Protein backbone atom coordinates (compact mmCIF):
# COMPACT_ATOMS: atom_id res chain seq x y z
CA MET A 1 0.00 0.00 0.00
CA LYS A 2 1.33 3.42 -0.96
CA PRO A 3 1.85 6.04 1.74
CA GLN A 4 -0.88 8.65 1.73
CA LEU A 5 -0.52 12.43 1.78
CA ARG A 6 -3.58 14.56 2.41
CA VAL A 7 -3.54 18.20 1.38
CA VAL A 8 -6.36 20.55 2.30
CA MET A 9 -6.74 23.42 -0.14
CA TYR A 10 -9.38 26.12 0.11
CA VAL A 11 -10.47 27.26 -3.35
CA THR A 12 -13.33 29.28 -4.72
CA ALA A 13 -16.18 27.60 -6.55
CA ASP A 14 -14.79 28.94 -9.86
CA GLU A 15 -11.32 27.58 -9.12
CA LEU A 16 -12.76 24.19 -8.21
CA ALA A 17 -14.80 24.15 -11.42
CA ARG A 18 -11.68 24.94 -13.49
CA ILE A 19 -9.67 22.23 -11.70
CA ARG A 20 -12.42 19.67 -12.27
CA GLN A 21 -12.75 20.73 -15.90
CA GLU A 22 -9.02 20.35 -16.52
CA ALA A 23 -8.91 16.96 -14.78
CA ALA A 24 -11.90 15.80 -16.86
CA ARG A 25 -10.32 17.14 -20.06
CA ARG A 26 -7.20 15.10 -19.30
CA ARG A 27 -9.40 12.14 -18.22
CA ILE A 28 -7.71 11.81 -14.85
CA SER A 29 -8.95 12.02 -11.27
CA LEU A 30 -8.76 15.18 -9.18
CA SER A 31 -6.23 13.38 -7.00
CA ARG A 32 -3.98 12.53 -9.96
CA TYR A 33 -4.33 16.05 -11.37
CA ALA A 34 -3.41 17.63 -8.01
CA LYS A 35 -0.44 15.28 -7.65
CA GLU A 36 0.85 16.15 -11.11
CA ARG A 37 0.43 19.88 -10.46
CA LEU A 38 2.16 19.71 -7.05
CA THR A 39 5.02 17.43 -8.09
CA PRO A 40 5.91 18.16 -11.72
CA SER A 41 9.68 18.12 -11.36
CA ILE A 42 9.81 15.02 -9.18
CA GLN A 43 9.13 13.07 -12.37
CA ASP A 44 12.15 14.75 -13.96
CA GLU A 45 15.30 12.73 -13.41
CA ASP A 46 17.41 15.90 -13.55
CA ASP A 47 15.65 17.38 -10.53
CA SER A 48 16.03 15.76 -7.13
CA GLY A 49 12.95 17.53 -5.83
CA GLY A 50 14.83 20.53 -4.47
CA ALA A 51 13.35 22.94 -6.98
CA THR A 52 9.85 21.63 -6.29
CA ALA A 53 10.36 21.95 -2.56
CA GLU A 54 11.68 25.48 -3.00
CA ARG A 55 8.70 26.45 -5.19
CA LEU A 56 6.30 24.97 -2.67
CA ALA A 57 8.07 26.73 0.22
CA GLY A 58 8.01 30.02 -1.70
CA SER A 59 4.33 29.63 -2.44
CA MET A 60 3.61 28.90 1.22
CA ARG A 61 5.68 31.89 2.36
CA LYS A 62 3.77 34.17 -0.03
CA THR A 63 0.39 32.86 1.14
CA LEU A 64 1.32 33.16 4.82
CA THR A 65 2.67 36.67 4.29
CA GLU A 66 -0.53 37.77 2.56
CA ARG A 67 -2.70 36.29 5.33
CA THR A 68 -0.49 37.74 8.07
CA ASP A 69 -0.56 41.19 6.46
CA GLY A 70 -4.35 41.01 6.24
CA LEU A 71 -4.64 40.03 9.89
CA ALA A 72 -2.25 42.80 10.93
CA ASP A 73 -4.34 45.38 9.02
CA TYR A 74 -7.50 44.07 10.67
CA LEU A 75 -5.87 44.23 14.11
CA ARG A 76 -4.72 47.82 13.51
CA THR A 77 -8.28 48.74 12.54
CA LEU A 78 -9.64 47.18 15.73
CA ILE A 79 -7.07 49.00 17.86
CA VAL A 80 -8.03 52.37 16.31
CA MET A 81 -11.73 51.61 16.75
CA LEU A 82 -11.23 50.66 20.40
CA ASP A 83 -9.14 53.77 21.03
CA GLN A 84 -11.83 56.00 19.51
CA LEU A 85 -14.56 54.25 21.54
CA VAL A 86 -12.66 54.81 24.81
CA ARG A 87 -11.92 58.44 23.93
CA SER A 88 -15.55 59.13 23.00
CA THR A 89 -16.84 57.37 26.13
CA LEU A 90 -14.51 59.28 28.46
CA THR A 91 -15.29 62.56 26.73
CA HIS A 92 -19.09 62.22 26.85
CA LEU A 93 -19.78 60.46 30.14
CA PRO A 94 -19.91 62.61 33.27
CA GLU A 95 -17.83 61.89 36.35
CA ILE A 96 -19.54 59.71 38.97
CA SER A 97 -20.41 61.50 42.20
CA GLU A 98 -19.31 59.91 45.49
CA SER A 99 -22.92 59.40 46.59
CA GLN A 100 -23.69 57.33 43.47
CA LYS A 101 -20.34 55.61 43.05
CA GLU A 102 -21.22 52.28 44.74
CA ARG A 103 -24.52 51.87 42.87
CA VAL A 104 -23.06 52.92 39.53
CA LEU A 105 -20.04 50.62 39.90
CA ALA A 106 -22.29 47.65 40.76
CA SER A 107 -24.47 48.40 37.74
CA GLY A 108 -21.40 48.76 35.54
CA GLU A 109 -20.00 45.41 36.72
CA ARG A 110 -23.33 43.70 36.03
CA ARG A 111 -23.60 45.23 32.57
CA TYR A 112 -19.99 44.31 31.86
CA ARG A 113 -20.61 40.63 32.80
CA ASP A 114 -23.71 40.62 30.56
CA TRP A 115 -21.66 42.06 27.72
CA GLN A 116 -18.90 39.44 28.23
CA GLN A 117 -21.48 36.63 28.10
CA GLU A 118 -22.94 38.05 24.90
CA VAL A 119 -19.48 38.26 23.29
CA GLU A 120 -18.66 34.70 24.39
CA GLY A 121 -21.91 33.46 22.84
CA LEU A 122 -21.20 35.32 19.63
CA LEU A 123 -17.70 33.84 19.45
CA ARG A 124 -19.07 30.32 20.05
CA ARG A 125 -21.57 30.77 17.22
CA MET A 126 -18.88 32.15 14.89
CA ARG A 127 -16.53 29.25 15.68
CA ALA A 128 -19.31 26.71 15.10
CA GLN A 129 -20.19 28.34 11.79
CA ALA A 130 -16.52 28.36 10.69
CA ALA A 131 -16.15 24.69 11.70
CA ALA A 132 -19.29 23.80 9.73
CA GLU A 133 -17.95 25.67 6.68
CA ARG A 134 -14.60 23.87 6.96
CA GLN A 135 -16.41 20.55 7.33
CA SER A 136 -18.54 21.16 4.25
CA ALA A 137 -15.48 22.32 2.29
CA THR A 138 -13.54 19.14 3.12
CA GLY A 139 -16.55 16.88 2.78
CA ASN A 140 -17.42 17.90 -0.79
CA GLY A 141 -15.39 15.12 -2.43
CA ALA A 142 -13.01 17.60 -4.03
CA HIS A 143 -10.00 16.87 -1.87
CA ALA A 144 -7.06 14.86 -3.14
């Protein structure tokens, strides 16, 4: 039995259609097509696989850099938004008088806990949705 290598690739519907079309045109399976596209120079006797490995590593570096840059931009946006929210809140809310401080702080703590629970629920739902999307993407029969 041959060793097995599983590769998970996320592609758009159009990309998947083009890959399927090309595999069908060549009358080969998606698995065979993916293998030939990922390992073209391994079949070359002149290449020991180093060039293929370097191309694959370069492709992975580029993809990771693009994703990292996108995440960094998103994080910078969130930081600016949070900073503006805090500034606006501190600018527009009045100081708490000593006579109301205990009641206001208790109310603030309660509202804060409620907000945390709401955020936790939202994150759980988002994670479940992302997991379901990943499951449907890998369960569509298009993987190699």
